[in-house]
Amino acid sequence: MSVKEISEKIDDRLFVLADKYGLVLLEASIGLIYLWFGLLKFIPNYSPAEILAADTLDLLTLQFFDKQVMLWILASGELLIGLALILRIKSKYVIWGLLVHMGGTFSPIIFFPEQIFTHPPFGFSMVGQYIMKNLVIISAALVIYTKNSRR
């Protein structure tokens, strides 16, 4: 068997695998991330984004609500999104909620740039990298939306 034939065979199998399980794995992996990160926010000092999330929520709500309550509401929303994705609940509102949440995760770039950048505008801190990885989640959510919302 030639290298080309082996390559084509691998390509065919990978295509079948991706076609059969790709969307399920995409939903489950994003769901797991949401579930995990949401759960961490319920345990004090476990989430690396806890303080930044609380400070951002405090600023966005004009300090009208208690930071800890807002953090629990955020964590609950993340848990709901995560569970919905893992359980493959095909509601456009799940993706809408995810996208709204993702929009909020970028607000610290404006409010707390000193925490996001080590060397602006391209040198991200670990927190900044934590935020920027959300671009992949947004892209994946758009793929899920197109595959699920019109069925």
C-alpha atoms as a PDB file:
ATOM      1  CA  MET A   1       0.000   0.000   0.000  1.00  0.00           C
ATOM      2  CA  SER A   2       1.422   3.401  -0.977  1.00  0.00           C
ATOM      3  CA  VAL A   3       1.708   6.429   1.270  1.00  0.00           C
ATOM      4  CA  LYS A   4      -0.990   8.124  -0.799  1.00  0.00           C
ATOM      5  CA  GLU A   5      -3.398   5.188  -0.343  1.00  0.00           C
ATOM      6  CA  ILE A   6      -2.716   5.100   3.398  1.00  0.00           C
ATOM      7  CA  SER A   7      -3.231   8.858   3.563  1.00  0.00           C
ATOM      8  CA  GLU A   8      -6.546   8.626   1.710  1.00  0.00           C
ATOM      9  CA  LYS A   9      -7.717   5.764   3.938  1.00  0.00           C
ATOM     10  CA  ILE A  10      -6.887   7.765   7.079  1.00  0.00           C
ATOM     11  CA  ASP A  11      -8.577  10.818   5.585  1.00  0.00           C
ATOM     12  CA  ASP A  12     -11.740   8.840   4.788  1.00  0.00           C
ATOM     13  CA  ARG A  13     -11.924   7.364   8.292  1.00  0.00           C
ATOM     14  CA  LEU A  14     -11.284  10.721   9.918  1.00  0.00           C
ATOM     15  CA  PHE A  15     -14.008  12.317   7.789  1.00  0.00           C
ATOM     16  CA  VAL A  16     -16.527   9.640   8.822  1.00  0.00           C
ATOM     17  CA  LEU A  17     -15.545  10.032  12.475  1.00  0.00           C
ATOM     18  CA  ALA A  18     -15.784  13.820  12.334  1.00  0.00           C
ATOM     19  CA  ASP A  19     -19.088  13.711  10.484  1.00  0.00           C
ATOM     20  CA  LYS A  20     -20.575  11.233  12.957  1.00  0.00           C
ATOM     21  CA  TYR A  21     -19.229  12.601  16.255  1.00  0.00           C
ATOM     22  CA  GLY A  22     -17.807  16.090  15.604  1.00  0.00           C
ATOM     23  CA  LEU A  23     -20.845  18.116  16.626  1.00  0.00           C
ATOM     24  CA  VAL A  24     -21.507  15.963  19.691  1.00  0.00           C
ATOM     25  CA  LEU A  25     -17.895  16.339  20.814  1.00  0.00           C
ATOM     26  CA  LEU A  26     -17.977  20.079  20.171  1.00  0.00           C
ATOM     27  CA  GLU A  27     -21.120  20.538  22.270  1.00  0.00           C
ATOM     28  CA  ALA A  28     -19.858  18.251  25.024  1.00  0.00           C
ATOM     29  CA  SER A  29     -16.421  19.859  25.244  1.00  0.00           C
ATOM     30  CA  ILE A  30     -17.772  23.408  25.443  1.00  0.00           C
ATOM     31  CA  GLY A  31     -20.435  22.191  27.863  1.00  0.00           C
ATOM     32  CA  LEU A  32     -17.769  20.618  30.062  1.00  0.00           C
ATOM     33  CA  ILE A  33     -15.741  23.836  30.066  1.00  0.00           C
ATOM     34  CA  TYR A  34     -18.820  25.831  31.088  1.00  0.00           C
ATOM     35  CA  LEU A  35     -19.795  23.299  33.734  1.00  0.00           C
ATOM     36  CA  TRP A  36     -16.295  23.144  35.176  1.00  0.00           C
ATOM     37  CA  PHE A  37     -15.663  26.885  35.207  1.00  0.00           C
ATOM     38  CA  GLY A  38     -19.130  27.505  36.654  1.00  0.00           C
ATOM     39  CA  LEU A  39     -18.593  25.002  39.463  1.00  0.00           C
ATOM     40  CA  LEU A  40     -15.232  26.555  40.341  1.00  0.00           C
ATOM     41  CA  LYS A  41     -16.908  29.914  40.960  1.00  0.00           C
ATOM     42  CA  PHE A  42     -18.950  28.359  43.795  1.00  0.00           C
ATOM     43  CA  ILE A  43     -15.763  27.383  45.659  1.00  0.00           C
ATOM     44  CA  PRO A  44     -13.927  30.415  47.055  1.00  0.00           C
ATOM     45  CA  ASN A  45     -10.430  30.937  45.597  1.00  0.00           C
ATOM     46  CA  TYR A  46     -10.685  28.038  43.113  1.00  0.00           C
ATOM     47  CA  SER A  47     -11.491  29.966  39.960  1.00  0.00           C
ATOM     48  CA  PRO A  48      -8.622  31.929  38.436  1.00  0.00           C
ATOM     49  CA  ALA A  49     -11.230  34.342  37.074  1.00  0.00           C
ATOM     50  CA  GLU A  50     -13.158  34.777  40.322  1.00  0.00           C
ATOM     51  CA  ILE A  51     -11.853  38.189  41.363  1.00  0.00           C
ATOM     52  CA  LEU A  52     -11.853  39.622  37.841  1.00  0.00           C
ATOM     53  CA  ALA A  53     -15.378  38.301  37.199  1.00  0.00           C
ATOM     54  CA  ALA A  54     -16.664  39.740  40.487  1.00  0.00           C
ATOM     55  CA  ASP A  55     -14.999  43.107  39.858  1.00  0.00           C
ATOM     56  CA  THR A  56     -16.344  43.226  36.290  1.00  0.00           C
ATOM     57  CA  LEU A  57     -19.879  42.350  37.408  1.00  0.00           C
ATOM     58  CA  ASP A  58     -19.615  44.967  40.145  1.00  0.00           C
ATOM     59  CA  LEU A  59     -18.670  47.587  37.579  1.00  0.00           C
ATOM     60  CA  LEU A  60     -21.283  46.503  35.011  1.00  0.00           C
ATOM     61  CA  THR A  61     -24.073  46.631  37.614  1.00  0.00           C
ATOM     62  CA  LEU A  62     -22.842  49.984  38.971  1.00  0.00           C
ATOM     63  CA  GLN A  63     -22.146  48.311  42.341  1.00  0.00           C
ATOM     64  CA  PHE A  64     -25.875  47.904  42.865  1.00  0.00           C
ATOM     65  CA  PHE A  65     -25.688  44.218  43.828  1.00  0.00           C
ATOM     66  CA  ASP A  66     -23.474  42.234  46.157  1.00  0.00           C
ATOM     67  CA  LYS A  67     -20.392  40.910  44.325  1.00  0.00           C
ATOM     68  CA  GLN A  68     -20.735  37.399  45.744  1.00  0.00           C
ATOM     69  CA  VAL A  69     -24.404  37.149  44.754  1.00  0.00           C
ATOM     70  CA  MET A  70     -23.561  38.313  41.233  1.00  0.00           C
ATOM     71  CA  LEU A  71     -20.749  35.754  41.047  1.00  0.00           C
ATOM     72  CA  TRP A  72     -23.163  32.973  42.061  1.00  0.00           C
ATOM     73  CA  ILE A  73     -25.668  34.145  39.443  1.00  0.00           C
ATOM     74  CA  LEU A  74     -22.901  34.087  36.825  1.00  0.00           C
ATOM     75  CA  ALA A  75     -21.798  30.636  37.977  1.00  0.00           C
ATOM     76  CA  SER A  76     -25.395  29.381  37.836  1.00  0.00           C
ATOM     77  CA  GLY A  77     -25.774  30.687  34.300  1.00  0.00           C
ATOM     78  CA  GLU A  78     -22.548  28.971  33.284  1.00  0.00           C
ATOM     79  CA  LEU A  79     -23.776  25.716  34.828  1.00  0.00           C
ATOM     80  CA  LEU A  80     -27.068  25.948  32.938  1.00  0.00           C
ATOM     81  CA  ILE A  81     -25.323  26.618  29.634  1.00  0.00           C
ATOM     82  CA  GLY A  82     -22.893  23.773  30.283  1.00  0.00           C
ATOM     83  CA  LEU A  83     -25.628  21.292  31.172  1.00  0.00           C
ATOM     84  CA  ALA A  84     -27.731  22.322  28.185  1.00  0.00           C
ATOM     85  CA  LEU A  85     -24.803  21.741  25.844  1.00  0.00           C
ATOM     86  CA  ILE A  86     -23.844  18.412  27.418  1.00  0.00           C
ATOM     87  CA  LEU A  87     -27.468  17.228  27.322  1.00  0.00           C
ATOM     88  CA  ARG A  88     -27.668  18.509  23.736  1.00  0.00           C
ATOM     89  CA  ILE A  89     -30.688  20.701  24.366  1.00  0.00           C
ATOM     90  CA  LYS A  90     -31.161  22.196  20.935  1.00  0.00           C
ATOM     91  CA  SER A  91     -32.394  25.636  21.818  1.00  0.00           C
ATOM     92  CA  LYS A  92     -31.171  28.747  20.074  1.00  0.00           C
ATOM     93  CA  TYR A  93     -31.495  30.466  23.448  1.00  0.00           C
ATOM     94  CA  VAL A  94     -28.665  28.345  24.854  1.00  0.00           C
ATOM     95  CA  ILE A  95     -26.311  29.659  22.184  1.00  0.00           C
ATOM     96  CA  TRP A  96     -27.688  33.188  22.541  1.00  0.00           C
ATOM     97  CA  GLY A  97     -26.976  33.021  26.283  1.00  0.00           C
ATOM     98  CA  LEU A  98     -23.513  31.665  25.603  1.00  0.00           C
ATOM     99  CA  LEU A  99     -22.767  34.482  23.152  1.00  0.00           C
ATOM    100  CA  VAL A 100     -24.028  37.159  25.560  1.00  0.00           C
ATOM    101  CA  HIS A 101     -21.869  35.634  28.285  1.00  0.00           C
ATOM    102  CA  MET A 102     -18.884  35.548  25.946  1.00  0.00           C
ATOM    103  CA  GLY A 103     -19.426  39.221  25.119  1.00  0.00           C
ATOM    104  CA  GLY A 104     -19.250  39.973  28.823  1.00  0.00           C
ATOM    105  CA  THR A 105     -16.010  38.049  29.208  1.00  0.00           C
ATOM    106  CA  PHE A 106     -14.292  40.552  26.915  1.00  0.00           C
ATOM    107  CA  SER A 107     -15.347  43.619  28.941  1.00  0.00           C
ATOM    108  CA  PRO A 108     -12.326  43.407  31.305  1.00  0.00           C
ATOM    109  CA  ILE A 109     -10.147  44.316  28.307  1.00  0.00           C
ATOM    110  CA  ILE A 110     -11.757  47.767  28.518  1.00  0.00           C
ATOM    111  CA  PHE A 111     -12.263  48.002  32.282  1.00  0.00           C
ATOM    112  CA  PHE A 112      -9.075  46.345  33.573  1.00  0.00           C
ATOM    113  CA  PRO A 113      -6.426  46.460  30.820  1.00  0.00           C
ATOM    114  CA  GLU A 114      -3.636  46.374  33.411  1.00  0.00           C
ATOM    115  CA  GLN A 115      -4.761  42.858  34.367  1.00  0.00           C
ATOM    116  CA  ILE A 116      -5.178  41.691  30.767  1.00  0.00           C
ATOM    117  CA  PHE A 117      -1.909  42.869  29.203  1.00  0.00           C
ATOM    118  CA  THR A 118       1.719  42.597  30.177  1.00  0.00           C
ATOM    119  CA  HIS A 119       2.793  44.474  27.029  1.00  0.00           C
ATOM    120  CA  PRO A 120      -0.238  46.061  25.308  1.00  0.00           C
ATOM    121  CA  PRO A 121      -1.771  45.455  22.845  1.00  0.00           C
ATOM    122  CA  PHE A 122      -0.411  41.964  22.092  1.00  0.00           C
ATOM    123  CA  GLY A 123       1.362  40.749  25.223  1.00  0.00           C
ATOM    124  CA  PHE A 124      -1.378  39.052  27.219  1.00  0.00           C
ATOM    125  CA  SER A 125      -1.134  38.097  30.861  1.00  0.00           C
ATOM    126  CA  MET A 126      -2.423  34.664  31.876  1.00  0.00           C
ATOM    127  CA  VAL A 127      -5.772  36.322  32.583  1.00  0.00           C
ATOM    128  CA  GLY A 128      -5.712  37.895  29.129  1.00  0.00           C
ATOM    129  CA  GLN A 129      -4.963  34.523  27.554  1.00  0.00           C
ATOM    130  CA  TYR A 130      -7.823  33.052  29.587  1.00  0.00           C
ATOM    131  CA  ILE A 131     -10.124  35.640  27.992  1.00  0.00           C
ATOM    132  CA  MET A 132      -8.762  35.363  24.445  1.00  0.00           C
ATOM    133  CA  LYS A 133      -9.344  31.601  24.312  1.00  0.00           C
ATOM    134  CA  ASN A 134     -13.016  32.518  24.283  1.00  0.00           C
ATOM    135  CA  LEU A 135     -12.673  33.407  20.600  1.00  0.00           C
ATOM    136  CA  VAL A 136     -12.521  29.657  19.939  1.00  0.00           C
ATOM    137  CA  ILE A 137     -15.640  29.074  22.047  1.00  0.00           C
ATOM    138  CA  ILE A 138     -17.501  31.819  20.159  1.00  0.00           C
ATOM    139  CA  SER A 139     -16.513  30.295  16.821  1.00  0.00           C
ATOM    140  CA  ALA A 140     -17.559  26.828  17.970  1.00  0.00           C
ATOM    141  CA  ALA A 141     -20.874  28.198  19.283  1.00  0.00           C
ATOM    142  CA  LEU A 142     -21.601  29.693  15.869  1.00  0.00           C
ATOM    143  CA  VAL A 143     -20.981  26.297  14.264  1.00  0.00           C
ATOM    144  CA  ILE A 144     -23.302  24.625  16.794  1.00  0.00           C
ATOM    145  CA  TYR A 145     -25.915  27.306  16.177  1.00  0.00           C
ATOM    146  CA  THR A 146     -25.922  26.758  12.413  1.00  0.00           C
ATOM    147  CA  LYS A 147     -26.138  22.988  12.823  1.00  0.00           C
ATOM    148  CA  ASN A 148     -28.888  22.993  15.457  1.00  0.00           C
ATOM    149  CA  SER A 149     -31.066  26.071  15.139  1.00  0.00           C
ATOM    150  CA  ARG A 150     -32.839  25.285  11.862  1.00  0.00           C
ATOM    151  CA  ARG A 151     -33.690  21.646  12.533  1.00  0.00           C
END
